[in-house]
């Protein structure tokens, strides 16, 4: 199962300092790997807490669809 691409890519790119390469890569990542990928490509350490919360919300939304 893949994450909802428009929701996840838009929200992550608006609220975190990720490079374009990382955002493009996230489009094709399975939801179970999303948290790991965000931490690998995170450009701003201060955003880690937000991203961890975001990935949990994205996972819940994906499961409910």
PDB file of N, CA and C in Angstrom:
ATOM      1  N   UNK A   1       0.854  -1.189   0.000  1.00  0.00           N
ATOM      2  CA  UNK A   1       0.000   0.000   0.000  1.00  0.00           C
ATOM      3  C   UNK A   1       0.892   1.241   0.000  1.00  0.00           C
ATOM      4  N   UNK A   2       0.549   2.213  -0.825  1.00  0.00           N
ATOM      5  CA  UNK A   2       1.310   3.452  -0.877  1.00  0.00           C
ATOM      6  C   UNK A   2       0.533   4.569  -0.195  1.00  0.00           C
ATOM      7  N   UNK A   3       1.268   5.543   0.306  1.00  0.00           N
ATOM      8  CA  UNK A   3       0.608   6.672   0.970  1.00  0.00           C
ATOM      9  C   UNK A   3      -0.136   7.508  -0.059  1.00  0.00           C
ATOM     10  N   UNK A   4      -1.048   8.322   0.420  1.00  0.00           N
ATOM     11  CA  UNK A   4      -1.788   9.233  -0.446  1.00  0.00           C
ATOM     12  C   UNK A   4      -0.816  10.319  -0.908  1.00  0.00           C
ATOM     13  N   UNK A   5      -0.363  10.257  -2.142  1.00  0.00           N
ATOM     14  CA  UNK A   5       0.707  11.137  -2.615  1.00  0.00           C
ATOM     15  C   UNK A   5       0.406  12.634  -2.505  1.00  0.00           C
ATOM     16  N   UNK A   6      -0.723  13.123  -3.004  1.00  0.00           N
ATOM     17  CA  UNK A   6      -0.933  14.579  -2.936  1.00  0.00           C
ATOM     18  C   UNK A   6      -0.922  15.123  -1.510  1.00  0.00           C
ATOM     19  N   UNK A   7      -1.557  14.420  -0.587  1.00  0.00           N
ATOM     20  CA  UNK A   7      -1.598  14.876   0.806  1.00  0.00           C
ATOM     21  C   UNK A   7      -0.206  14.864   1.426  1.00  0.00           C
ATOM     22  N   UNK A   8       0.479  13.747   1.346  1.00  0.00           N
ATOM     23  CA  UNK A   8       1.745  13.599   2.049  1.00  0.00           C
ATOM     24  C   UNK A   8       2.829  14.517   1.495  1.00  0.00           C
ATOM     25  N   UNK A   9       2.964  14.574   0.184  1.00  0.00           N
ATOM     26  CA  UNK A   9       4.035  15.381  -0.394  1.00  0.00           C
ATOM     27  C   UNK A   9       3.781  16.864  -0.161  1.00  0.00           C
ATOM     28  N   UNK A  10       2.558  17.318  -0.315  1.00  0.00           N
ATOM     29  CA  UNK A  10       2.255  18.734  -0.118  1.00  0.00           C
ATOM     30  C   UNK A  10       2.477  19.144   1.333  1.00  0.00           C
ATOM     31  N   UNK A  11       1.939  18.387   2.269  1.00  0.00           N
ATOM     32  CA  UNK A  11       2.044  18.752   3.681  1.00  0.00           C
ATOM     33  C   UNK A  11       3.490  18.703   4.169  1.00  0.00           C
ATOM     34  N   UNK A  12       4.226  17.695   3.760  1.00  0.00           N
ATOM     35  CA  UNK A  12       5.614  17.568   4.208  1.00  0.00           C
ATOM     36  C   UNK A  12       6.458  18.707   3.637  1.00  0.00           C
ATOM     37  N   UNK A  13       6.272  19.024   2.365  1.00  0.00           N
ATOM     38  CA  UNK A  13       7.102  20.058   1.757  1.00  0.00           C
ATOM     39  C   UNK A  13       6.755  21.453   2.277  1.00  0.00           C
ATOM     40  N   UNK A  14       5.516  21.677   2.694  1.00  0.00           N
ATOM     41  CA  UNK A  14       5.141  22.981   3.236  1.00  0.00           C
ATOM     42  C   UNK A  14       5.681  23.189   4.650  1.00  0.00           C
ATOM     43  N   UNK A  15       5.816  22.127   5.413  1.00  0.00           N
ATOM     44  CA  UNK A  15       6.103  22.272   6.840  1.00  0.00           C
ATOM     45  C   UNK A  15       7.485  21.785   7.275  1.00  0.00           C
ATOM     46  N   UNK A  16       8.314  21.388   6.359  1.00  0.00           N
ATOM     47  CA  UNK A  16       9.639  20.904   6.740  1.00  0.00           C
ATOM     48  C   UNK A  16      10.679  21.338   5.716  1.00  0.00           C
ATOM     49  N   UNK A  17      11.913  21.340   6.127  1.00  0.00           N
ATOM     50  CA  UNK A  17      12.994  21.736   5.230  1.00  0.00           C
ATOM     51  C   UNK A  17      13.578  20.500   4.554  1.00  0.00           C
ATOM     52  N   UNK A  18      12.908  20.028   3.522  1.00  0.00           N
ATOM     53  CA  UNK A  18      13.401  18.866   2.786  1.00  0.00           C
ATOM     54  C   UNK A  18      13.887  19.324   1.418  1.00  0.00           C
ATOM     55  N   UNK A  19      14.891  18.655   0.908  1.00  0.00           N
ATOM     56  CA  UNK A  19      15.362  18.989  -0.431  1.00  0.00           C
ATOM     57  C   UNK A  19      14.347  18.497  -1.460  1.00  0.00           C
ATOM     58  N   UNK A  20      14.412  19.023  -2.675  1.00  0.00           N
ATOM     59  CA  UNK A  20      13.503  18.577  -3.733  1.00  0.00           C
ATOM     60  C   UNK A  20      13.695  17.087  -3.998  1.00  0.00           C
ATOM     61  N   UNK A  21      14.923  16.623  -3.936  1.00  0.00           N
ATOM     62  CA  UNK A  21      15.190  15.204  -4.182  1.00  0.00           C
ATOM     63  C   UNK A  21      14.457  14.340  -3.174  1.00  0.00           C
ATOM     64  N   UNK A  22      14.477  14.757  -1.907  1.00  0.00           N
ATOM     65  CA  UNK A  22      13.818  13.978  -0.859  1.00  0.00           C
ATOM     66  C   UNK A  22      12.312  13.954  -1.073  1.00  0.00           C
ATOM     67  N   UNK A  23      11.722  15.076  -1.437  1.00  0.00           N
ATOM     68  CA  UNK A  23      10.277  15.136  -1.657  1.00  0.00           C
ATOM     69  C   UNK A  23       9.884  14.253  -2.834  1.00  0.00           C
ATOM     70  N   UNK A  24      10.660  14.292  -3.904  1.00  0.00           N
ATOM     71  CA  UNK A  24      10.388  13.435  -5.061  1.00  0.00           C
ATOM     72  C   UNK A  24      10.509  11.966  -4.665  1.00  0.00           C
ATOM     73  N   UNK A  25      11.506  11.634  -3.882  1.00  0.00           N
ATOM     74  CA  UNK A  25      11.725  10.258  -3.451  1.00  0.00           C
ATOM     75  C   UNK A  25      10.566   9.762  -2.588  1.00  0.00           C
ATOM     76  N   UNK A  26      10.041  10.631  -1.728  1.00  0.00           N
ATOM     77  CA  UNK A  26       8.954  10.252  -0.827  1.00  0.00           C
ATOM     78  C   UNK A  26       7.710   9.829  -1.605  1.00  0.00           C
ATOM     79  N   UNK A  27       7.510  10.356  -2.803  1.00  0.00           N
ATOM     80  CA  UNK A  27       6.335  10.023  -3.603  1.00  0.00           C
ATOM     81  C   UNK A  27       6.209   8.518  -3.834  1.00  0.00           C
ATOM     82  N   UNK A  28       7.325   7.813  -3.883  1.00  0.00           N
ATOM     83  CA  UNK A  28       7.273   6.396  -4.214  1.00  0.00           C
ATOM     84  C   UNK A  28       7.613   5.477  -3.039  1.00  0.00           C
ATOM     85  N   UNK A  29       7.643   6.023  -1.850  1.00  0.00           N
ATOM     86  CA  UNK A  29       8.015   5.231  -0.677  1.00  0.00           C
ATOM     87  C   UNK A  29       6.785   4.595  -0.041  1.00  0.00           C
ATOM     88  N   UNK A  30       6.903   3.343   0.333  1.00  0.00           N
ATOM     89  CA  UNK A  30       5.808   2.675   1.031  1.00  0.00           C
ATOM     90  C   UNK A  30       5.633   3.318   2.399  1.00  0.00           C
ATOM     91  N   UNK A  31       4.403   3.347   2.897  1.00  0.00           N
ATOM     92  CA  UNK A  31       4.128   4.077   4.136  1.00  0.00           C
ATOM     93  C   UNK A  31       4.916   3.545   5.327  1.00  0.00           C
ATOM     94  N   UNK A  32       5.249   2.272   5.344  1.00  0.00           N
ATOM     95  CA  UNK A  32       5.997   1.712   6.466  1.00  0.00           C
ATOM     96  C   UNK A  32       7.433   2.223   6.506  1.00  0.00           C
ATOM     97  N   UNK A  33       7.929   2.697   5.379  1.00  0.00           N
ATOM     98  CA  UNK A  33       9.298   3.203   5.308  1.00  0.00           C
ATOM     99  C   UNK A  33       9.354   4.725   5.401  1.00  0.00           C
ATOM    100  N   UNK A  34       8.214   5.382   5.418  1.00  0.00           N
ATOM    101  CA  UNK A  34       8.182   6.841   5.341  1.00  0.00           C
ATOM    102  C   UNK A  34       8.931   7.515   6.486  1.00  0.00           C
ATOM    103  N   UNK A  35       8.714   7.062   7.711  1.00  0.00           N
ATOM    104  CA  UNK A  35       9.364   7.674   8.867  1.00  0.00           C
ATOM    105  C   UNK A  35      10.887   7.615   8.729  1.00  0.00           C
ATOM    106  N   UNK A  36      11.417   6.486   8.311  1.00  0.00           N
ATOM    107  CA  UNK A  36      12.857   6.306   8.141  1.00  0.00           C
ATOM    108  C   UNK A  36      13.399   7.255   7.072  1.00  0.00           C
ATOM    109  N   UNK A  37      12.705   7.371   5.968  1.00  0.00           N
ATOM    110  CA  UNK A  37      13.157   8.237   4.881  1.00  0.00           C
ATOM    111  C   UNK A  37      13.147   9.701   5.303  1.00  0.00           C
ATOM    112  N   UNK A  38      12.120  10.117   6.024  1.00  0.00           N
ATOM    113  CA  UNK A  38      12.071  11.509   6.475  1.00  0.00           C
ATOM    114  C   UNK A  38      13.250  11.838   7.379  1.00  0.00           C
ATOM    115  N   UNK A  39      13.595  10.924   8.262  1.00  0.00           N
ATOM    116  CA  UNK A  39      14.722  11.185   9.159  1.00  0.00           C
ATOM    117  C   UNK A  39      16.044  11.209   8.396  1.00  0.00           C
ATOM    118  N   UNK A  40      16.180  10.377   7.380  1.00  0.00           N
ATOM    119  CA  UNK A  40      17.408  10.366   6.591  1.00  0.00           C
ATOM    120  C   UNK A  40      17.609  11.670   5.821  1.00  0.00           C
ATOM    121  N   UNK A  41      16.537  12.212   5.268  1.00  0.00           N
ATOM    122  CA  UNK A  41      16.657  13.376   4.398  1.00  0.00           C
ATOM    123  C   UNK A  41      16.268  14.689   5.073  1.00  0.00           C
ATOM    124  N   UNK A  42      16.075  14.638   6.362  1.00  0.00           N
ATOM    125  CA  UNK A  42      15.689  15.844   7.092  1.00  0.00           C
ATOM    126  C   UNK A  42      16.820  16.874   7.060  1.00  0.00           C
ATOM    127  N   UNK A  43      16.503  18.070   6.638  1.00  0.00           N
ATOM    128  CA  UNK A  43      17.526  19.108   6.557  1.00  0.00           C
ATOM    129  C   UNK A  43      17.597  19.945   7.831  1.00  0.00           C
ATOM    130  N   UNK A  44      16.490  20.029   8.558  1.00  0.00           N
ATOM    131  CA  UNK A  44      16.436  20.876   9.747  1.00  0.00           C
ATOM    132  C   UNK A  44      16.071  20.016  10.953  1.00  0.00           C
ATOM    133  N   UNK A  45      17.014  19.775  11.850  1.00  0.00           N
ATOM    134  CA  UNK A  45      16.820  18.885  13.003  1.00  0.00           C
ATOM    135  C   UNK A  45      15.657  19.328  13.883  1.00  0.00           C
ATOM    136  N   UNK A  46      15.386  20.613  13.951  1.00  0.00           N
ATOM    137  CA  UNK A  46      14.312  21.115  14.815  1.00  0.00           C
ATOM    138  C   UNK A  46      12.931  20.655  14.369  1.00  0.00           C
ATOM    139  N   UNK A  47      12.827  20.117  13.166  1.00  0.00           N
ATOM    140  CA  UNK A  47      11.527  19.690  12.640  1.00  0.00           C
ATOM    141  C   UNK A  47      11.224  18.218  12.916  1.00  0.00           C
ATOM    142  N   UNK A  48      12.131  17.483  13.570  1.00  0.00           N
ATOM    143  CA  UNK A  48      11.943  16.040  13.760  1.00  0.00           C
ATOM    144  C   UNK A  48      10.636  15.723  14.476  1.00  0.00           C
ATOM    145  N   UNK A  49      10.319  16.431  15.535  1.00  0.00           N
ATOM    146  CA  UNK A  49       9.088  16.156  16.285  1.00  0.00           C
ATOM    147  C   UNK A  49       7.856  16.322  15.409  1.00  0.00           C
ATOM    148  N   UNK A  50       7.816  17.383  14.637  1.00  0.00           N
ATOM    149  CA  UNK A  50       6.684  17.612  13.738  1.00  0.00           C
ATOM    150  C   UNK A  50       6.564  16.481  12.727  1.00  0.00           C
ATOM    151  N   UNK A  51       7.690  16.072  12.164  1.00  0.00           N
ATOM    152  CA  UNK A  51       7.657  15.029  11.141  1.00  0.00           C
ATOM    153  C   UNK A  51       7.218  13.694  11.713  1.00  0.00           C
ATOM    154  N   UNK A  52       7.643  13.385  12.929  1.00  0.00           N
ATOM    155  CA  UNK A  52       7.207  12.135  13.550  1.00  0.00           C
ATOM    156  C   UNK A  52       5.695  12.138  13.750  1.00  0.00           C
ATOM    157  N   UNK A  53       5.151  13.254  14.186  1.00  0.00           N
ATOM    158  CA  UNK A  53       3.699  13.377  14.350  1.00  0.00           C
ATOM    159  C   UNK A  53       3.011  13.271  12.991  1.00  0.00           C
ATOM    160  N   UNK A  54       3.561  13.927  11.981  1.00  0.00           N
ATOM    161  CA  UNK A  54       2.969  13.910  10.645  1.00  0.00           C
ATOM    162  C   UNK A  54       2.924  12.507  10.060  1.00  0.00           C
ATOM    163  N   UNK A  55       3.994  11.745  10.241  1.00  0.00           N
ATOM    164  CA  UNK A  55       4.009  10.400   9.669  1.00  0.00           C
ATOM    165  C   UNK A  55       2.971   9.519  10.341  1.00  0.00           C
ATOM    166  N   UNK A  56       2.734   9.727  11.627  1.00  0.00           N
ATOM    167  CA  UNK A  56       1.696   8.956  12.315  1.00  0.00           C
ATOM    168  C   UNK A  56       0.324   9.315  11.763  1.00  0.00           C
ATOM    169  N   UNK A  57       0.071  10.583  11.523  1.00  0.00           N
ATOM    170  CA  UNK A  57      -1.214  11.018  10.966  1.00  0.00           C
ATOM    171  C   UNK A  57      -1.391  10.451   9.561  1.00  0.00           C
ATOM    172  N   UNK A  58      -0.345  10.519   8.744  1.00  0.00           N
ATOM    173  CA  UNK A  58      -0.412   9.996   7.378  1.00  0.00           C
ATOM    174  C   UNK A  58      -0.696   8.501   7.401  1.00  0.00           C
ATOM    175  N   UNK A  59      -0.044   7.778   8.303  1.00  0.00           N
ATOM    176  CA  UNK A  59      -0.258   6.334   8.394  1.00  0.00           C
ATOM    177  C   UNK A  59      -1.693   6.015   8.777  1.00  0.00           C
ATOM    178  N   UNK A  60      -2.234   6.741   9.729  1.00  0.00           N
ATOM    179  CA  UNK A  60      -3.620   6.517  10.154  1.00  0.00           C
ATOM    180  C   UNK A  60      -4.576   6.823   9.011  1.00  0.00           C
ATOM    181  N   UNK A  61      -4.338   7.902   8.295  1.00  0.00           N
ATOM    182  CA  UNK A  61      -5.207   8.254   7.170  1.00  0.00           C
ATOM    183  C   UNK A  61      -5.141   7.192   6.082  1.00  0.00           C
ATOM    184  N   UNK A  62      -3.948   6.662   5.820  1.00  0.00           N
ATOM    185  CA  UNK A  62      -3.791   5.627   4.802  1.00  0.00           C
ATOM    186  C   UNK A  62      -4.529   4.359   5.194  1.00  0.00           C
ATOM    187  N   UNK A  63      -4.479   4.003   6.456  1.00  0.00           N
ATOM    188  CA  UNK A  63      -5.151   2.799   6.925  1.00  0.00           C
ATOM    189  C   UNK A  63      -6.665   2.945   6.885  1.00  0.00           C
ATOM    190  N   UNK A  64      -7.158   4.155   7.084  1.00  0.00           N
ATOM    191  CA  UNK A  64      -8.606   4.359   7.130  1.00  0.00           C
ATOM    192  C   UNK A  64      -9.237   4.448   5.746  1.00  0.00           C
ATOM    193  N   UNK A  65      -8.424   4.554   4.706  1.00  0.00           N
ATOM    194  CA  UNK A  65      -8.973   4.677   3.346  1.00  0.00           C
ATOM    195  C   UNK A  65      -9.189   3.336   2.707  1.00  0.00           C
TER     196      UNK A  65
END
